[in-house]
Structure formats: structure tokens, C-alpha cells
C-alpha atoms as a PDB file:
ATOM      1  CA  MET A   1       1.647  -7.561  12.536  1.00  0.00           C
ATOM      2  CA  CYS A   2       1.296  -3.539  12.721  1.00  0.00           C
ATOM      3  CA  LYS A   3       0.106  -2.858  16.678  1.00  0.00           C
ATOM      4  CA  TYR A   4      -1.100   0.676  16.114  1.00  0.00           C
ATOM      5  CA  LYS A   5      -3.738   2.564  18.740  1.00  0.00           C
ATOM      6  CA  ASP A   6      -4.504  -1.468  20.534  1.00  0.00           C
ATOM      7  CA  THR A   7      -5.212  -2.794  16.906  1.00  0.00           C
ATOM      8  CA  THR A   8      -3.144  -5.120  14.615  1.00  0.00           C
ATOM      9  CA  LEU A   9      -3.018  -4.005  11.583  1.00  0.00           C
ATOM     10  CA  GLY A  10      -2.094  -5.435   8.580  1.00  0.00           C
ATOM     11  CA  ILE A  11      -2.320  -5.422   4.016  1.00  0.00           C
ATOM     12  CA  LYS A  12      -4.966  -7.499   2.467  1.00  0.00           C
ATOM     13  CA  LYS A  13      -4.761  -5.759  -0.845  1.00  0.00           C
ATOM     14  CA  ILE A  14      -3.942  -2.910  -2.983  1.00  0.00           C
ATOM     15  CA  ASN A  15      -6.166  -1.592  -5.529  1.00  0.00           C
ATOM     16  CA  PHE A  16      -5.263   1.709  -8.200  1.00  0.00           C
ATOM     17  CA  SER A  17      -8.575   1.787  -9.476  1.00  0.00           C
ATOM     18  CA  VAL A  18     -10.421   3.707  -6.465  1.00  0.00           C
ATOM     19  CA  LYS A  19      -9.492   7.418  -7.837  1.00  0.00           C
ATOM     20  CA  ARG A  20      -7.398   7.936  -9.767  1.00  0.00           C
ATOM     21  CA  GLY A  21      -4.273   9.656  -8.475  1.00  0.00           C
ATOM     22  CA  TYR A  22      -4.785   7.546  -5.561  1.00  0.00           C
ATOM     23  CA  MET A  23      -4.050   3.752  -4.039  1.00  0.00           C
ATOM     24  CA  ALA A  24      -6.203   1.868  -1.595  1.00  0.00           C
ATOM     25  CA  PHE A  25      -5.051  -0.437   1.020  1.00  0.00           C
ATOM     26  CA  TYR A  26      -7.702  -2.955   2.195  1.00  0.00           C
ATOM     27  CA  LEU A  27      -6.490  -3.273   5.583  1.00  0.00           C
ATOM     28  CA  THR A  28      -7.007  -6.582   7.906  1.00  0.00           C
ATOM     29  CA  ASP A  29      -9.709  -5.032  10.429  1.00  0.00           C
ATOM     30  CA  GLY A  30     -11.813  -4.182   7.497  1.00  0.00           C
ATOM     31  CA  ARG A  31     -10.438  -0.222   7.016  1.00  0.00           C
ATOM     32  CA  ILE A  32      -9.323   0.776   3.195  1.00  0.00           C
ATOM     33  CA  VAL A  33      -7.325   3.824   3.676  1.00  0.00           C
ATOM     34  CA  VAL A  34      -7.071   5.733   0.399  1.00  0.00           C
ATOM     35  CA  VAL A  35      -3.810   7.858  -0.315  1.00  0.00           C
ATOM     36  CA  PRO A  36      -2.039   9.913  -3.146  1.00  0.00           C
ATOM     37  CA  VAL A  37       0.056   8.402  -5.128  1.00  0.00           C
ATOM     38  CA  SER A  38       2.114  10.819  -4.758  1.00  0.00           C
ATOM     39  CA  MET A  39       3.252   9.570  -1.139  1.00  0.00           C
ATOM     40  CA  PHE A  40       5.291   7.005  -2.994  1.00  0.00           C
ATOM     41  CA  PRO A  41       7.302   9.037  -5.397  1.00  0.00           C
ATOM     42  CA  ASP A  42       9.128   5.253  -7.017  1.00  0.00           C
ATOM     43  CA  VAL A  43       4.782   4.368  -7.090  1.00  0.00           C
ATOM     44  CA  LYS A  44       3.793   6.840  -9.097  1.00  0.00           C
ATOM     45  CA  ARG A  45       6.532   6.720 -11.619  1.00  0.00           C
ATOM     46  CA  LEU A  46       5.359   2.828 -12.630  1.00  0.00           C
ATOM     47  CA  THR A  47       3.236   2.073 -14.995  1.00  0.00           C
ATOM     48  CA  LYS A  48      -0.278   0.741 -14.889  1.00  0.00           C
ATOM     49  CA  ALA A  49       1.013  -3.143 -15.377  1.00  0.00           C
ATOM     50  CA  GLN A  50       3.997  -2.234 -12.976  1.00  0.00           C
ATOM     51  CA  ARG A  51       1.467  -1.310  -9.950  1.00  0.00           C
ATOM     52  CA  GLU A  52      -0.986  -4.193 -11.034  1.00  0.00           C
ATOM     53  CA  ASP A  53       2.185  -6.696 -10.380  1.00  0.00           C
ATOM     54  CA  TYR A  54       2.383  -5.803  -6.359  1.00  0.00           C
ATOM     55  CA  MET A  55       3.252  -8.188  -3.390  1.00  0.00           C
ATOM     56  CA  ILE A  56       2.793  -7.794   0.317  1.00  0.00           C
ATOM     57  CA  MET A  57       4.848  -9.312   2.624  1.00  0.00           C
ATOM     58  CA  ASP A  58       3.506 -10.792   6.158  1.00  0.00           C
ATOM     59  CA  ASP A  59       0.825  -8.381   6.126  1.00  0.00           C
ATOM     60  CA  GLN A  60       3.273  -5.474   6.400  1.00  0.00           C
ATOM     61  CA  TYR A  61       5.029  -4.592   3.679  1.00  0.00           C
ATOM     62  CA  PHE A  62       4.385  -4.504   0.066  1.00  0.00           C
ATOM     63  CA  SER A  63       6.286  -3.645  -3.341  1.00  0.00           C
ATOM     64  CA  PHE A  64       6.838  -3.918  -6.138  1.00  0.00           C
ATOM     65  CA  ASP A  65       8.778  -6.332  -9.076  1.00  0.00           C
ATOM     66  CA  ALA A  66       9.452  -3.163 -11.066  1.00  0.00           C
ATOM     67  CA  ILE A  67      11.786  -1.141  -7.826  1.00  0.00           C
ATOM     68  CA  SER A  68      13.744  -2.451  -4.943  1.00  0.00           C
ATOM     69  CA  ARG A  69      11.734  -0.387  -2.173  1.00  0.00           C
ATOM     70  CA  ILE A  70       9.919  -1.731   0.380  1.00  0.00           C
ATOM     71  CA  TYR A  71       7.330   0.236   2.490  1.00  0.00           C
ATOM     72  CA  SER A  72       5.341  -1.010   5.429  1.00  0.00           C
ATOM     73  CA  VAL A  73       1.818  -0.461   6.533  1.00  0.00           C
ATOM     74  CA  LYS A  74       3.472   2.337   8.616  1.00  0.00           C
ATOM     75  CA  ASP A  75       4.262   4.465   5.325  1.00  0.00           C
ATOM     76  CA  VAL A  76       0.213   4.340   4.566  1.00  0.00           C
ATOM     77  CA  LEU A  77      -0.553   5.534   7.834  1.00  0.00           C
ATOM     78  CA  SER A  78       1.588   7.880   8.389  1.00  0.00           C
ATOM     79  CA  TYR A  79      -0.392  10.128   5.674  1.00  0.00           C
END
């Protein structure tokens, strides 16, 4: 788990329907972090169906079947 300011964080779920052009990350501590999709250029190029085909690994990392890049919870929190 990512240790951030004395809190252990992980990703539970990703949602693209919260607002057009944004993606929401539901974290294990109950917070929701909303970031622009443009922050992740590879993800921005995916179709809606490809975006829904994501995977979360060890609560710390996420990726999509259509791309080979793996992002981490730290990438989300660096926005």
C-alpha cells in the first residue's frame, strides 16, 4: 500500500462517468479523487469501452487491457 501522510492508500474502483473528461478514483480510505483524463495521455486515447476494461493490481496500480503502461496511486495523487 502507498503510505501518504501517515495514511495507507489504495485504489478500490475507477469511474469515468463522474464528469466528462475526468476520471474518479475511489480510494480505500473512503476518499474520491477526481482528475482530468488528460493527465494520462494513453488513457485519453482509449475508447469508452476500452476505458471500462481496467484492472487494479494490489490496490496500488492500474492499467487497461488496450495499453501496456501501468500507473500507480502515486500518479493519481501527484495531480
